[in-house]
């Protein structure tokens, strides 16, 4: 596996259940800090669609 720099939201600080992202020039990788080996790879369009859906509240519980 390639070594990536992962970013997590500042609201998570040191919590153990946080989303993490790694952004490269052609893809965005997303994982959960609980399962760091389970990584989803999104292209830029998919990443933008995901962010739009989150902002629109489509994943609200």
N, C-alpha and C. Protein backbone atom coordinates (compact mmCIF):
# COMPACT_ATOMS: atom_id res chain seq x y z
N UNK A 1 0.84 -1.19 0.00
CA UNK A 1 0.00 0.00 0.00
C UNK A 1 0.87 1.24 0.00
N UNK A 2 0.44 2.19 -0.74
CA UNK A 2 1.14 3.46 -0.85
C UNK A 2 1.02 4.26 0.46
N UNK A 3 2.08 4.94 0.84
CA UNK A 3 2.05 5.76 2.04
C UNK A 3 1.39 7.10 1.73
N UNK A 4 0.29 7.40 2.39
CA UNK A 4 -0.46 8.64 2.13
C UNK A 4 -0.53 9.47 3.40
N UNK A 5 -0.69 10.78 3.22
CA UNK A 5 -0.96 11.68 4.34
C UNK A 5 -2.47 11.78 4.49
N UNK A 6 -2.96 11.49 5.68
CA UNK A 6 -4.39 11.50 5.95
C UNK A 6 -4.76 12.74 6.75
N UNK A 7 -5.92 13.31 6.41
CA UNK A 7 -6.44 14.50 7.08
C UNK A 7 -7.77 14.11 7.72
N UNK A 8 -8.00 14.60 8.94
CA UNK A 8 -9.29 14.37 9.59
C UNK A 8 -9.86 15.71 10.03
N UNK A 9 -11.17 15.81 10.17
CA UNK A 9 -11.77 17.07 10.59
C UNK A 9 -11.25 17.52 11.95
N UNK A 10 -11.09 18.81 12.11
CA UNK A 10 -10.58 19.32 13.39
C UNK A 10 -11.52 19.00 14.54
N UNK A 11 -12.81 18.83 14.26
CA UNK A 11 -13.77 18.50 15.31
C UNK A 11 -13.51 17.12 15.91
N UNK A 12 -12.79 16.27 15.19
CA UNK A 12 -12.51 14.92 15.69
C UNK A 12 -11.36 14.90 16.69
N UNK A 13 -10.44 15.80 16.57
CA UNK A 13 -9.21 15.84 17.37
C UNK A 13 -8.62 14.44 17.51
N UNK A 14 -8.68 13.86 18.68
CA UNK A 14 -8.08 12.54 18.90
C UNK A 14 -9.13 11.44 19.05
N UNK A 15 -10.35 11.70 18.65
CA UNK A 15 -11.41 10.69 18.75
C UNK A 15 -11.07 9.49 17.88
N UNK A 16 -11.62 8.35 18.21
CA UNK A 16 -11.29 7.12 17.50
C UNK A 16 -12.21 6.76 16.36
N UNK A 17 -13.26 7.54 16.10
CA UNK A 17 -14.21 7.21 15.05
C UNK A 17 -14.40 8.42 14.15
N UNK A 18 -13.44 8.65 13.26
CA UNK A 18 -13.45 9.85 12.42
C UNK A 18 -13.24 9.50 10.96
N UNK A 19 -13.86 10.28 10.08
CA UNK A 19 -13.54 10.12 8.66
C UNK A 19 -12.17 10.74 8.39
N UNK A 20 -11.45 10.16 7.47
CA UNK A 20 -10.14 10.68 7.07
C UNK A 20 -10.07 10.69 5.56
N UNK A 21 -9.41 11.70 5.00
CA UNK A 21 -9.24 11.79 3.55
C UNK A 21 -7.77 12.01 3.20
N UNK A 22 -7.42 11.54 2.03
CA UNK A 22 -6.10 11.77 1.46
C UNK A 22 -6.33 12.20 0.01
N UNK A 23 -5.84 13.37 -0.33
CA UNK A 23 -6.11 13.94 -1.64
C UNK A 23 -4.83 13.94 -2.49
N UNK A 24 -4.95 13.38 -3.70
CA UNK A 24 -3.85 13.39 -4.66
C UNK A 24 -4.30 14.20 -5.88
N UNK A 25 -3.46 14.30 -6.86
CA UNK A 25 -3.79 15.10 -8.04
C UNK A 25 -4.95 14.52 -8.85
N UNK A 26 -5.19 13.20 -8.77
CA UNK A 26 -6.25 12.61 -9.58
C UNK A 26 -7.28 11.79 -8.81
N UNK A 27 -7.16 11.73 -7.49
CA UNK A 27 -8.12 10.93 -6.71
C UNK A 27 -8.20 11.44 -5.27
N UNK A 28 -9.31 11.08 -4.65
CA UNK A 28 -9.49 11.34 -3.22
C UNK A 28 -9.76 10.00 -2.57
N UNK A 29 -9.02 9.70 -1.50
CA UNK A 29 -9.17 8.45 -0.78
C UNK A 29 -9.86 8.76 0.54
N UNK A 30 -10.84 7.92 0.90
CA UNK A 30 -11.62 8.14 2.11
C UNK A 30 -11.58 6.86 2.93
N UNK A 31 -11.44 7.02 4.25
CA UNK A 31 -11.46 5.86 5.14
C UNK A 31 -12.01 6.30 6.51
N UNK A 32 -12.28 5.33 7.33
CA UNK A 32 -12.67 5.57 8.72
C UNK A 32 -11.47 5.26 9.60
N UNK A 33 -11.28 6.05 10.64
CA UNK A 33 -10.17 5.78 11.55
C UNK A 33 -10.36 4.45 12.27
N UNK A 34 -11.60 3.94 12.31
CA UNK A 34 -11.85 2.63 12.93
C UNK A 34 -11.41 1.47 12.03
N UNK A 35 -11.42 1.71 10.72
CA UNK A 35 -11.03 0.67 9.76
C UNK A 35 -10.07 1.26 8.73
N UNK A 36 -8.85 1.57 9.13
CA UNK A 36 -7.92 2.26 8.23
C UNK A 36 -7.50 1.47 6.99
N UNK A 37 -7.74 0.17 6.98
CA UNK A 37 -7.38 -0.62 5.80
C UNK A 37 -8.49 -0.65 4.75
N UNK A 38 -9.69 -0.19 5.11
CA UNK A 38 -10.82 -0.15 4.18
C UNK A 38 -10.88 1.25 3.57
N UNK A 39 -10.33 1.38 2.38
CA UNK A 39 -10.17 2.68 1.74
C UNK A 39 -11.01 2.74 0.46
N UNK A 40 -11.81 3.80 0.35
CA UNK A 40 -12.57 4.04 -0.88
C UNK A 40 -11.82 5.06 -1.72
N UNK A 41 -11.73 4.81 -3.01
CA UNK A 41 -11.08 5.73 -3.94
C UNK A 41 -12.14 6.40 -4.78
N UNK A 42 -12.15 7.73 -4.78
CA UNK A 42 -13.11 8.51 -5.55
C UNK A 42 -12.37 9.38 -6.55
N UNK A 43 -12.98 9.56 -7.73
CA UNK A 43 -12.39 10.54 -8.63
C UNK A 43 -12.93 11.92 -8.22
N UNK A 44 -12.44 12.96 -8.82
CA UNK A 44 -12.79 14.32 -8.41
C UNK A 44 -14.29 14.57 -8.51
N UNK A 45 -14.92 14.09 -9.55
CA UNK A 45 -16.36 14.27 -9.73
C UNK A 45 -17.15 13.56 -8.62
N UNK A 46 -16.77 12.35 -8.30
CA UNK A 46 -17.44 11.61 -7.23
C UNK A 46 -17.26 12.31 -5.88
N UNK A 47 -16.08 12.85 -5.63
CA UNK A 47 -15.80 13.57 -4.39
C UNK A 47 -16.69 14.80 -4.29
N UNK A 48 -16.81 15.55 -5.37
CA UNK A 48 -17.68 16.74 -5.37
C UNK A 48 -19.13 16.35 -5.14
N UNK A 49 -19.58 15.26 -5.76
CA UNK A 49 -20.95 14.79 -5.56
C UNK A 49 -21.18 14.40 -4.10
N UNK A 50 -20.22 13.71 -3.51
CA UNK A 50 -20.34 13.31 -2.10
C UNK A 50 -20.43 14.54 -1.20
N UNK A 51 -19.57 15.51 -1.40
CA UNK A 51 -19.61 16.73 -0.58
C UNK A 51 -20.92 17.47 -0.75
N UNK A 52 -21.43 17.55 -1.97
CA UNK A 52 -22.72 18.21 -2.20
C UNK A 52 -23.84 17.50 -1.46
N UNK A 53 -23.84 16.18 -1.49
CA UNK A 53 -24.87 15.40 -0.80
C UNK A 53 -24.78 15.59 0.71
N UNK A 54 -23.59 15.62 1.24
CA UNK A 54 -23.41 15.84 2.68
C UNK A 54 -23.93 17.22 3.06
N UNK A 55 -23.56 18.23 2.29
CA UNK A 55 -24.01 19.59 2.57
C UNK A 55 -25.52 19.74 2.46
N UNK A 56 -26.14 18.96 1.58
CA UNK A 56 -27.59 19.00 1.39
C UNK A 56 -28.33 18.20 2.46
N UNK A 57 -27.61 17.54 3.34
CA UNK A 57 -28.24 16.79 4.42
C UNK A 57 -28.74 15.42 4.03
N UNK A 58 -28.29 14.88 2.91
CA UNK A 58 -28.76 13.58 2.45
C UNK A 58 -28.37 12.43 3.35
N UNK A 59 -27.39 12.61 4.21
CA UNK A 59 -26.94 11.54 5.08
C UNK A 59 -27.27 11.81 6.55
N UNK A 60 -28.13 12.78 6.80
CA UNK A 60 -28.50 13.13 8.18
C UNK A 60 -29.26 11.97 8.81
N UNK A 61 -29.00 11.77 10.07
CA UNK A 61 -29.66 10.68 10.80
C UNK A 61 -30.77 11.16 11.66
